[in-house]
Amino acid sequence: MTAGLHIVTKRRPGKTLIHYVYAWRGGPLIHRAEGPRPRITAAISDAAAEARAARRDDEAKGLTIKGLIQLFCAAPEFTRLAKSTQTSHNTWLTRIEERFGKWPLALFNDRRTRADILDWRDRWADKPRSADAAMQTFTRLLSWGYDRGKLRENVAKGIGQLYDANRSEVIWEAEDFEKVAAVASVEVNEGVALAAFTGLRRGDLVKLPWSAIGEHAIVWKTNKSRGRNLATVPLLPETKALLARIRARHADEMAKLTEDKRRPLPETVLSNTRWQPWTPTGFGSRYDDAKKAAGIDKHLHDLRGTFVTRCCIAGLNDREIADIVGWDTKDVASIRAKYADQARVVVAIGERLARAAIA
């Protein structure tokens, strides 16, 4: 057996054993086999030798985090990501390079470096979502380096999140809509309403085309997973009414323009004051301005929970709603119990009181 090889055997009850052969403990995977423990063939020995030579070459070249970032950005694991995801990672990769770019990779095989990474992350402790985004990128970079045999371990693995991402039970109340409506432009208000009626994420919301609006549902390939996810959102009565108002406003405002200033309306449902489709960042910035002016602490993402309550009241069951918004059924059930069923009770009481008054 070649010295230094590391073999891990995975046992599965009632199933064949799986053996993973690594060039060294913590090194890259060079062979996988099922059944009996594999013989160390010439091919495995050669693969191990190549991996060791590559590691020695990296050490001789003094490969740094900056070099690892360059290799990562050229790798298919990065280039195949959605453009929006690449943009997000690039922001943090630049900041990682500014802080750690000259550090040799050997330092990232020392677990004590984990403390340096945490100190760096804590620069954004007052913005926990940013801090978590920073760590997501750093962890992904080091994980890629580990998989490619550049690192013996991922010292950032397992660092916990600062932001409590589960806001599924947070919804907008009527007064939240009223406060935003009083300070936001009509274009922003249309976006807020459309989010509440469709549950779409911001990136998909601003790119939703009119061509995706059917008679009974929105059917559209979203940006999620590089366009492979098909969004199917039922059109509630209030959604249809909102879309009709948006169409009417567009037509009325365009009709007021002189012939030389008229232009084709955008293919997207939402547009900014220049009749151009919103960018996710542009719409998010204008919404943040309105939120601050309105004095509310509600995120755009919280409108997904608001949409869930509308679906509950409309009669959809938990599984149907979970499939639409991509949630767990328990989160839908929690909103149903906390908000939707309560709303039904209030409506039912009002109807009984009305009937009693007539009698």
Protein backbone atom coordinates (compact mmCIF):
# COMPACT_ATOMS: atom_id res chain seq x y z
CA MET A 1 0.00 0.00 0.00
CA THR A 2 1.27 3.48 -0.86
CA ALA A 3 2.37 5.28 2.30
CA GLY A 4 0.15 8.12 3.37
CA LEU A 5 -3.02 7.07 1.56
CA HIS A 6 -6.16 7.56 3.60
CA ILE A 7 -9.13 5.23 3.06
CA VAL A 8 -12.57 5.97 4.51
CA THR A 9 -15.21 3.23 4.48
CA LYS A 10 -18.86 4.18 4.58
CA ARG A 11 -21.14 1.48 5.98
CA ARG A 12 -24.80 1.49 5.03
CA PRO A 13 -27.22 -0.97 6.67
CA GLY A 14 -28.23 -3.61 4.13
CA LYS A 15 -26.19 -2.01 1.35
CA THR A 16 -22.77 -2.43 -0.21
CA LEU A 17 -19.79 -0.80 1.46
CA ILE A 18 -18.36 2.32 -0.20
CA HIS A 19 -14.65 3.07 0.06
CA TYR A 20 -13.17 6.53 -0.51
CA VAL A 21 -9.44 6.74 -1.17
CA TYR A 22 -7.72 10.07 -0.48
CA ALA A 23 -4.19 11.03 -1.47
CA TRP A 24 -3.53 11.75 2.21
CA ARG A 25 -5.56 12.40 5.32
CA GLY A 26 -7.40 15.61 4.51
CA GLY A 27 -6.20 15.44 0.90
CA PRO A 28 -8.16 15.18 -2.37
CA LEU A 29 -10.33 12.18 -3.26
CA ILE A 30 -8.56 10.08 -5.91
CA HIS A 31 -10.66 6.90 -6.04
CA ARG A 32 -14.09 5.55 -5.06
CA ALA A 33 -15.07 1.88 -4.96
CA GLU A 34 -17.99 -0.26 -3.78
CA GLY A 35 -17.75 -3.74 -2.30
CA PRO A 36 -14.50 -5.21 -0.96
CA ARG A 37 -11.73 -2.90 0.22
CA PRO A 38 -9.96 -1.75 -2.98
CA ARG A 39 -6.49 -2.90 -3.98
CA ILE A 40 -4.00 -0.10 -4.38
CA THR A 41 -3.38 -0.25 -8.09
CA ALA A 42 -0.77 1.55 -10.14
CA ALA A 43 -3.46 4.01 -11.27
CA ILE A 44 -4.30 4.91 -7.65
CA SER A 45 -0.63 5.25 -6.77
CA ASP A 46 -0.06 7.50 -9.78
CA ALA A 47 -3.05 9.68 -8.85
CA ALA A 48 -1.72 10.02 -5.30
CA ALA A 49 1.72 10.93 -6.59
CA GLU A 50 0.24 13.59 -8.88
CA ALA A 51 -1.76 15.09 -6.02
CA ARG A 52 1.33 15.20 -3.78
CA ALA A 53 3.39 16.77 -6.54
CA ALA A 54 0.72 19.43 -7.05
CA ARG A 55 0.75 20.20 -3.33
CA ARG A 56 4.55 20.49 -3.29
CA ASP A 57 4.35 22.73 -6.35
CA ASP A 58 1.88 25.02 -4.60
CA GLU A 59 4.08 25.17 -1.52
CA ALA A 60 7.15 25.89 -3.63
CA LYS A 61 5.32 28.68 -5.44
CA GLY A 62 4.14 30.11 -2.14
CA LEU A 63 0.47 30.00 -3.23
CA THR A 64 -1.52 32.63 -1.36
CA ILE A 65 -5.17 33.34 -0.76
CA LYS A 66 -5.01 35.81 -3.66
CA GLY A 67 -3.83 32.99 -5.91
CA LEU A 68 -6.56 30.69 -4.61
CA ILE A 69 -9.18 33.35 -5.38
CA GLN A 70 -7.89 33.63 -8.95
CA LEU A 71 -8.05 29.86 -9.44
CA PHE A 72 -11.51 29.68 -7.89
CA CYS A 73 -12.92 32.45 -10.11
CA ALA A 74 -11.69 30.59 -13.21
CA ALA A 75 -13.13 27.23 -12.10
CA PRO A 76 -16.45 25.84 -13.37
CA GLU A 77 -17.80 25.76 -9.81
CA PHE A 78 -17.74 29.56 -9.98
CA THR A 79 -18.31 30.34 -13.66
CA ARG A 80 -21.47 28.20 -13.74
CA LEU A 81 -23.08 30.18 -10.92
CA ALA A 82 -25.83 32.65 -11.75
CA LYS A 83 -24.51 36.12 -12.59
CA SER A 84 -26.19 37.63 -9.53
CA THR A 85 -24.48 35.04 -7.29
CA GLN A 86 -21.12 35.71 -8.93
CA THR A 87 -21.57 39.43 -8.33
CA SER A 88 -22.33 38.85 -4.65
CA HIS A 89 -19.32 36.56 -4.22
CA ASN A 90 -17.03 38.98 -6.10
CA THR A 91 -17.84 41.72 -3.61
CA TRP A 92 -16.68 39.58 -0.72
CA LEU A 93 -13.78 37.97 -2.57
CA THR A 94 -12.38 41.47 -3.09
CA ARG A 95 -12.65 42.15 0.64
CA ILE A 96 -11.12 38.78 1.50
CA GLU A 97 -8.19 39.58 -0.79
CA GLU A 98 -7.75 43.01 0.80
CA ARG A 99 -7.41 41.43 4.25
CA PHE A 100 -5.83 38.03 3.56
CA GLY A 101 -4.55 38.19 -0.02
CA LYS A 102 -0.85 37.88 0.84
CA TRP A 103 -1.33 35.14 3.42
CA PRO A 104 0.20 31.80 2.30
CA LEU A 105 -2.25 28.91 2.12
CA ALA A 106 -0.20 27.04 4.71
CA LEU A 107 -1.62 29.38 7.36
CA PHE A 108 -5.13 28.21 6.45
CA ASN A 109 -4.19 24.67 7.44
CA ASP A 110 -3.78 25.95 11.00
CA ARG A 111 -7.05 26.02 12.94
CA ARG A 112 -5.87 29.07 14.86
CA THR A 113 -6.49 31.08 11.67
CA ARG A 114 -10.20 30.56 12.35
CA ALA A 115 -9.95 33.29 14.99
CA ASP A 116 -8.54 35.72 12.39
CA ILE A 117 -11.43 34.92 10.06
CA LEU A 118 -13.96 35.52 12.83
CA ASP A 119 -12.35 38.84 13.72
CA TRP A 120 -12.63 39.86 10.07
CA ARG A 121 -16.28 38.78 9.88
CA ASP A 122 -17.12 40.73 13.02
CA ARG A 123 -16.41 44.00 11.21
CA TRP A 124 -19.98 43.59 9.97
CA ALA A 125 -21.46 42.31 13.24
CA ASP A 126 -23.88 45.27 13.25
CA LYS A 127 -25.12 44.05 9.86
CA PRO A 128 -25.59 40.32 10.48
CA ARG A 129 -26.86 39.53 6.98
CA SER A 130 -23.70 41.08 5.50
CA ALA A 131 -21.54 39.19 8.00
CA ASP A 132 -23.18 35.92 7.02
CA ALA A 133 -22.76 36.69 3.31
CA ALA A 134 -19.05 37.30 3.97
CA MET A 135 -18.70 33.92 5.66
CA GLN A 136 -20.68 32.14 2.95
CA THR A 137 -18.19 33.34 0.36
CA PHE A 138 -15.13 32.61 2.50
CA THR A 139 -16.37 29.12 3.33
CA ARG A 140 -17.12 28.40 -0.32
CA LEU A 141 -13.64 29.54 -1.35
CA LEU A 142 -11.86 27.41 1.25
CA SER A 143 -14.12 24.44 0.53
CA TRP A 144 -13.15 24.65 -3.13
CA GLY A 145 -9.47 24.81 -2.13
CA TYR A 146 -9.93 21.75 0.08
CA ASP A 147 -11.67 19.79 -2.69
CA ARG A 148 -8.86 20.63 -5.11
CA GLY A 149 -6.20 19.49 -2.67
CA LYS A 150 -4.84 22.99 -2.02
CA LEU A 151 -5.78 22.87 1.66
CA ARG A 152 -5.79 20.10 4.27
CA GLU A 153 -8.96 21.42 5.89
CA ASN A 154 -11.56 24.17 5.68
CA VAL A 155 -10.97 26.20 8.82
CA ALA A 156 -14.13 28.27 8.18
CA LYS A 157 -16.41 25.24 8.11
CA GLY A 158 -19.13 25.26 10.76
CA ILE A 159 -18.97 28.94 11.68
CA GLY A 160 -22.52 29.82 12.69
CA GLN A 161 -24.75 32.53 11.29
CA LEU A 162 -25.36 35.82 13.06
CA TYR A 163 -28.64 36.57 11.31
CA ASP A 164 -31.84 34.79 12.29
CA ALA A 165 -33.01 34.07 8.77
CA ASN A 166 -36.36 32.56 9.69
CA ARG A 167 -38.80 35.47 9.39
CA SER A 168 -41.51 33.25 7.92
CA GLU A 169 -43.99 34.33 10.60
CA VAL A 170 -43.41 38.04 9.97
CA ILE A 171 -46.09 39.60 7.78
CA TRP A 172 -47.11 43.10 6.80
CA GLU A 173 -50.10 44.59 8.58
CA ALA A 174 -52.52 47.02 6.93
CA GLU A 175 -50.87 49.98 8.67
CA ASP A 176 -47.48 49.01 7.18
CA PHE A 177 -48.89 49.27 3.67
CA GLU A 178 -50.55 52.59 4.51
CA LYS A 179 -47.33 54.10 5.89
CA VAL A 180 -45.29 53.07 2.85
CA ALA A 181 -48.01 54.21 0.45
CA ALA A 182 -47.91 57.68 1.98
CA VAL A 183 -44.20 58.22 1.28
CA ALA A 184 -43.26 55.95 -1.65
CA SER A 185 -43.60 56.62 -5.37
CA VAL A 186 -46.37 54.91 -7.30
CA GLU A 187 -43.75 52.68 -8.93
CA VAL A 188 -42.43 51.45 -5.57
CA ASN A 189 -45.96 50.97 -4.22
CA GLU A 190 -46.83 48.83 -7.24
CA GLY A 191 -43.79 46.67 -6.53
CA VAL A 192 -44.70 46.26 -2.86
CA ALA A 193 -48.27 45.29 -3.75
CA LEU A 194 -47.14 42.84 -6.44
CA ALA A 195 -44.77 41.18 -3.96
CA ALA A 196 -47.61 40.80 -1.46
CA PHE A 197 -49.88 39.27 -4.12
CA THR A 198 -47.33 36.88 -5.70
CA GLY A 199 -44.73 36.04 -3.05
CA LEU A 200 -41.93 36.50 -5.60
CA ARG A 201 -38.42 37.31 -4.43
CA ARG A 202 -37.06 40.76 -5.29
CA GLY A 203 -34.82 39.53 -8.13
CA ASP A 204 -37.73 37.74 -9.80
CA LEU A 205 -40.26 40.44 -8.95
CA VAL A 206 -38.51 43.18 -10.94
CA LYS A 207 -37.99 40.90 -13.95
CA LEU A 208 -41.48 39.42 -14.09
CA PRO A 209 -42.61 39.79 -17.74
CA TRP A 210 -46.14 40.41 -18.91
CA SER A 211 -45.76 37.32 -21.08
CA ALA A 212 -45.75 35.16 -17.93
CA ILE A 213 -49.22 36.35 -16.87
CA GLY A 214 -51.78 33.75 -17.83
CA GLU A 215 -55.53 33.61 -17.33
CA HIS A 216 -55.33 31.85 -13.98
CA ALA A 217 -51.66 31.83 -12.98
CA ILE A 218 -48.18 33.25 -13.45
CA VAL A 219 -46.01 30.61 -15.09
CA TRP A 220 -42.39 31.64 -15.50
CA LYS A 221 -38.83 30.38 -15.29
CA THR A 222 -37.32 32.43 -12.47
CA ASN A 223 -33.71 33.43 -11.80
CA LYS A 224 -33.40 30.82 -9.09
CA SER A 225 -30.96 28.00 -9.98
CA ARG A 226 -29.96 29.64 -13.27
CA GLY A 227 -33.53 29.68 -14.60
CA ARG A 228 -34.22 26.02 -13.97
CA ASN A 229 -36.98 26.68 -11.44
CA LEU A 230 -40.47 27.11 -12.85
CA ALA A 231 -42.59 29.50 -10.80
CA THR A 232 -46.32 28.80 -10.85
CA VAL A 233 -48.26 31.35 -8.85
CA PRO A 234 -52.07 31.41 -8.82
CA LEU A 235 -53.66 34.74 -9.73
CA LEU A 236 -55.78 35.87 -6.81
CA PRO A 237 -58.62 38.33 -7.55
CA GLU A 238 -56.65 41.19 -5.98
CA THR A 239 -53.63 40.28 -8.12
CA LYS A 240 -55.69 40.56 -11.29
CA ALA A 241 -57.06 43.91 -10.12
CA LEU A 242 -53.53 45.21 -9.42
CA LEU A 243 -52.25 44.12 -12.84
CA ALA A 244 -55.21 45.87 -14.48
CA ARG A 245 -54.42 49.09 -12.58
CA ILE A 246 -50.77 48.94 -13.63
CA ARG A 247 -51.72 48.46 -17.29
CA ALA A 248 -54.20 51.33 -17.11
CA ARG A 249 -51.70 53.68 -15.47
CA HIS A 250 -49.05 52.87 -18.07
CA ALA A 251 -51.51 53.51 -20.91
CA ASP A 252 -52.83 56.76 -19.37
CA GLU A 253 -49.39 58.22 -18.66
CA MET A 254 -48.05 57.27 -22.07
CA ALA A 255 -51.08 58.84 -23.73
CA LYS A 256 -50.29 62.16 -22.02
CA LEU A 257 -46.90 62.32 -23.72
CA THR A 258 -46.39 63.98 -27.07
CA GLU A 259 -45.85 61.65 -30.02
CA ASP A 260 -42.09 62.26 -30.14
CA LYS A 261 -41.63 61.32 -26.47
CA ARG A 262 -43.65 58.11 -26.50
CA ARG A 263 -41.78 54.83 -26.36
CA PRO A 264 -42.67 51.14 -26.18
CA LEU A 265 -43.69 50.07 -22.70
CA PRO A 266 -41.25 47.72 -20.95
CA GLU A 267 -41.85 43.99 -21.19
CA THR A 268 -41.72 43.76 -17.40
CA VAL A 269 -44.77 44.36 -15.21
CA LEU A 270 -42.85 46.81 -13.02
CA SER A 271 -40.85 49.78 -14.26
CA ASN A 272 -39.13 52.81 -12.76
CA THR A 273 -39.90 56.49 -13.42
CA ARG A 274 -37.86 56.34 -16.66
CA TRP A 275 -40.05 53.54 -18.02
CA GLN A 276 -37.14 51.12 -17.66
CA PRO A 277 -37.23 47.76 -15.86
CA TRP A 278 -35.99 48.00 -12.29
CA THR A 279 -32.71 46.41 -11.29
CA PRO A 280 -32.94 44.43 -8.03
CA THR A 281 -30.51 46.87 -6.39
CA GLY A 282 -32.35 49.93 -7.71
CA PHE A 283 -35.74 48.77 -6.47
CA GLY A 284 -34.23 47.66 -3.16
CA SER A 285 -32.63 51.07 -2.62
CA ARG A 286 -35.83 52.98 -3.37
CA TYR A 287 -37.76 50.64 -1.07
CA ASP A 288 -35.22 51.14 1.73
CA ASP A 289 -35.65 54.91 1.36
CA ALA A 290 -39.41 54.54 1.66
CA LYS A 291 -39.13 52.17 4.61
CA LYS A 292 -36.98 54.63 6.54
CA ALA A 293 -39.30 57.51 5.71
CA ALA A 294 -42.31 55.43 6.79
CA GLY A 295 -40.62 54.36 10.03
CA ILE A 296 -41.38 50.65 9.67
CA ASP A 297 -39.10 47.66 10.29
CA LYS A 298 -40.39 45.32 7.62
CA HIS A 299 -38.32 43.70 4.88
CA LEU A 300 -39.44 43.16 1.30
CA HIS A 301 -38.88 39.47 1.97
CA ASP A 302 -41.57 39.61 4.67
CA LEU A 303 -44.13 40.12 1.94
CA ARG A 304 -43.79 36.41 1.16
CA GLY A 305 -45.42 35.67 4.50
CA THR A 306 -48.13 38.17 3.65
CA PHE A 307 -48.76 36.33 0.38
CA VAL A 308 -49.02 33.05 2.31
CA THR A 309 -51.83 34.48 4.47
CA ARG A 310 -53.71 35.52 1.33
CA CYS A 311 -53.37 32.01 -0.09
CA CYS A 312 -54.62 30.51 3.18
CA ILE A 313 -57.67 32.76 3.20
CA ALA A 314 -58.25 31.97 -0.50
CA GLY A 315 -58.61 28.29 0.42
CA LEU A 316 -55.30 26.72 -0.64
CA ASN A 317 -53.99 23.96 1.64
CA ASP A 318 -50.59 23.95 3.34
CA ARG A 319 -48.92 21.65 0.81
CA GLU A 320 -50.12 23.70 -2.17
CA ILE A 321 -48.85 26.92 -0.60
CA ALA A 322 -45.53 25.34 0.44
CA ASP A 323 -44.94 24.22 -3.15
CA ILE A 324 -45.62 27.74 -4.45
CA VAL A 325 -43.27 29.62 -2.10
CA GLY A 326 -40.73 26.86 -1.48
CA TRP A 327 -41.32 26.67 2.28
CA ASP A 328 -41.76 23.81 4.71
CA THR A 329 -45.39 22.99 5.41
CA LYS A 330 -44.85 23.61 9.14
CA ASP A 331 -44.00 27.27 8.41
CA VAL A 332 -47.18 27.62 6.35
CA ALA A 333 -49.21 25.96 9.12
CA SER A 334 -47.72 28.37 11.66
CA ILE A 335 -48.79 31.41 9.65
CA ARG A 336 -52.23 29.87 9.10
CA ALA A 337 -52.71 29.42 12.84
CA LYS A 338 -51.30 32.81 13.77
CA TYR A 339 -52.84 35.06 11.12
CA ALA A 340 -55.05 33.47 8.49
CA ASP A 341 -57.46 31.53 10.69
CA GLN A 342 -57.71 34.55 12.98
CA ALA A 343 -58.69 36.69 9.99
CA ARG A 344 -61.37 34.17 9.01
CA VAL A 345 -62.83 34.28 12.55
CA VAL A 346 -63.03 38.08 12.44
CA VAL A 347 -64.75 37.98 9.05
CA ALA A 348 -67.21 35.31 10.22
CA ILE A 349 -68.10 37.31 13.34
CA GLY A 350 -68.68 40.41 11.22
CA GLU A 351 -70.98 38.47 8.88
CA ARG A 352 -73.01 37.10 11.82
CA LEU A 353 -73.38 40.56 13.34
CA ALA A 354 -74.51 41.93 9.99
CA ARG A 355 -77.12 39.19 9.61
CA ALA A 356 -78.35 39.80 13.16
CA ALA A 357 -78.72 43.51 12.52
CA ILE A 358 -80.80 42.85 9.38
CA ALA A 359 -83.05 40.43 11.25
